Protein backbone atom coordinates (compact mmCIF):
# COMPACT_ATOMS: atom_id res chain seq x y z
CA MET A 1 11.75 -8.57 26.26
CA THR A 2 9.15 -10.92 24.82
CA ALA A 3 6.26 -9.02 26.17
CA GLY A 4 7.61 -5.49 24.88
CA LEU A 5 8.14 -7.31 21.44
CA GLU A 6 4.55 -8.43 21.14
CA THR A 7 3.46 -4.97 21.95
CA PHE A 8 5.85 -3.60 19.00
CA GLN A 9 4.53 -6.23 16.77
CA GLU A 10 0.94 -5.56 17.40
CA ARG A 11 1.18 -1.82 16.98
CA SER A 12 3.19 -1.89 13.95
CA PHE A 13 0.75 -4.65 12.42
CA ARG A 14 -2.08 -2.03 13.21
CA PHE A 15 0.03 0.60 11.46
CA ALA A 16 0.69 -1.72 8.60
CA CYS A 17 -3.23 -2.35 8.28
CA ASP A 18 -3.81 1.47 8.44
CA VAL A 19 -1.06 2.16 5.66
CA VAL A 20 -2.87 -0.47 3.57
CA GLN A 21 -6.01 1.56 3.82
CA LEU A 22 -4.34 4.86 3.17
CA TYR A 23 -2.68 3.37 0.16
CA ARG A 24 -6.12 2.18 -1.29
CA GLN A 25 -7.54 5.70 -1.00
CA LEU A 26 -4.39 7.21 -2.35
CA ILE A 27 -4.27 5.26 -5.67
CA ARG A 28 -7.85 6.20 -6.01
CA GLN A 29 -6.98 9.99 -6.33
CA PRO A 30 -5.74 10.95 -9.69
CA ASP A 31 -3.18 13.49 -8.50
CA VAL A 32 -1.28 11.04 -6.38
CA PRO A 33 1.76 9.56 -7.97
CA HIS A 34 1.40 5.90 -7.73
CA ALA A 35 5.11 5.54 -7.28
CA MET A 36 4.76 7.63 -4.05
CA ALA A 37 1.75 5.59 -2.84
CA ARG A 38 3.57 2.30 -3.49
CA GLN A 39 6.90 3.49 -1.53
CA LEU A 40 4.25 4.54 1.33
CA LEU A 41 2.93 1.06 1.22
CA ARG A 42 6.47 -0.75 1.13
CA SER A 43 8.16 1.05 3.79
CA GLY A 44 4.68 1.25 6.16
CA THR A 45 4.32 -2.62 5.89
CA SER A 46 7.95 -3.36 6.19
CA ILE A 47 8.24 -2.05 9.99
CA GLY A 48 6.05 -4.89 11.09
CA ALA A 49 7.57 -7.43 8.98
CA ASN A 50 11.15 -6.67 10.32
CA LEU A 51 9.82 -6.73 13.83
CA GLU A 52 8.40 -10.26 13.21
CA GLU A 53 11.69 -11.40 12.00
CA ALA A 54 13.31 -10.25 15.10
CA VAL A 55 11.29 -12.92 17.10
CA ALA A 56 13.48 -15.55 15.29
CA ALA A 57 16.60 -13.79 15.62
CA GLN A 58 19.60 -15.91 16.35
CA SER A 59 21.25 -13.35 18.66
CA ARG A 60 20.84 -10.02 20.43
CA ARG A 61 22.80 -8.31 17.63
CA ASP A 62 20.53 -9.74 15.05
CA ILE A 63 17.58 -8.50 17.07
CA ALA A 64 19.16 -5.04 17.23
CA ASN A 65 19.75 -5.19 13.42
CA ARG A 66 16.00 -5.84 12.69
CA PHE A 67 14.98 -3.10 15.01
CA ALA A 68 17.51 -0.93 13.20
CA ILE A 69 15.85 -1.81 9.67
CA ALA A 70 12.28 -1.20 11.33
CA LEU A 71 13.33 2.22 12.56
CA ARG A 72 14.61 3.13 9.21
CA GLU A 73 11.39 2.10 7.69
CA THR A 74 9.36 3.91 10.02
CA ARG A 75 11.44 7.12 9.25
CA GLU A 76 11.11 6.59 5.47
CA THR A 77 7.21 6.17 6.06
CA ARG A 78 7.26 9.37 7.92
CA TYR A 79 8.93 11.17 5.21
CA TRP A 80 6.41 9.82 2.38
CA LEU A 81 3.46 10.98 4.75
CA ARG A 82 5.10 14.26 5.30
CA LEU A 83 5.69 14.74 1.43
CA LEU A 84 2.21 13.86 0.77
CA ALA A 85 0.97 16.40 3.27
CA ALA A 86 3.44 19.26 2.30
CA THR A 87 2.58 18.96 -1.35
CA GLY A 88 -1.33 18.83 -0.75
CA LEU A 89 -1.52 15.53 -2.77
CA ALA A 90 -3.68 13.76 0.17
CA ARG A 91 -6.10 15.42 2.34
CA ALA A 92 -4.83 16.51 5.85
CA ASP A 93 -7.52 14.41 7.61
CA LEU A 94 -6.23 11.17 5.89
CA LEU A 95 -2.38 11.87 7.12
CA THR A 96 -2.88 13.04 10.58
CA ALA A 97 -3.24 9.78 12.38
CA PRO A 98 -0.71 7.82 10.39
CA LEU A 99 1.88 10.90 10.93
CA GLN A 100 1.20 10.84 14.69
CA GLU A 101 1.52 7.03 14.92
CA SER A 102 4.80 7.14 12.83
CA LYS A 103 6.17 9.72 15.15
CA GLU A 104 5.43 7.65 18.17
CA LEU A 105 6.86 4.40 16.54
CA THR A 106 9.90 6.14 15.67
CA ALA A 107 10.32 7.41 19.32
CA ILE A 108 9.51 3.77 20.60
CA LEU A 109 11.85 2.05 18.26
CA THR A 110 14.65 4.33 18.74
CA THR A 111 14.51 3.73 22.48
CA ALA A 112 14.29 -0.03 22.02
CA HIS A 113 17.15 -0.10 19.44
CA ARG A 114 19.32 1.93 21.85
CA LYS A 115 18.65 -0.49 24.69
CA LEU A 116 19.68 -3.45 22.50
CA LEU A 117 23.05 -2.11 21.55
């Protein structure tokens, strides 16, 4: 369990770094609503924070709860990325990699959460 969790932690940390960089690019674009960019930043960085908290969990149920929250945040992040793409508010080349990674994180976290239940 620990080795897998470390992998989730590292991957989610790298994703959070990418989201921060994307946020910095988005807020420079006058057409992008800052509220949308902030929501993306909040949800995209929350994934890793919840997985970090899972390390100190007191029980399997607590770990499962943290993974569930991380999964919800991953889905929310994907929503904001899709919305930015669908509305043309951000260039497609900026969103392709984060969209793919959010899709993969969703799949990984879904499987992990199910195994914890």
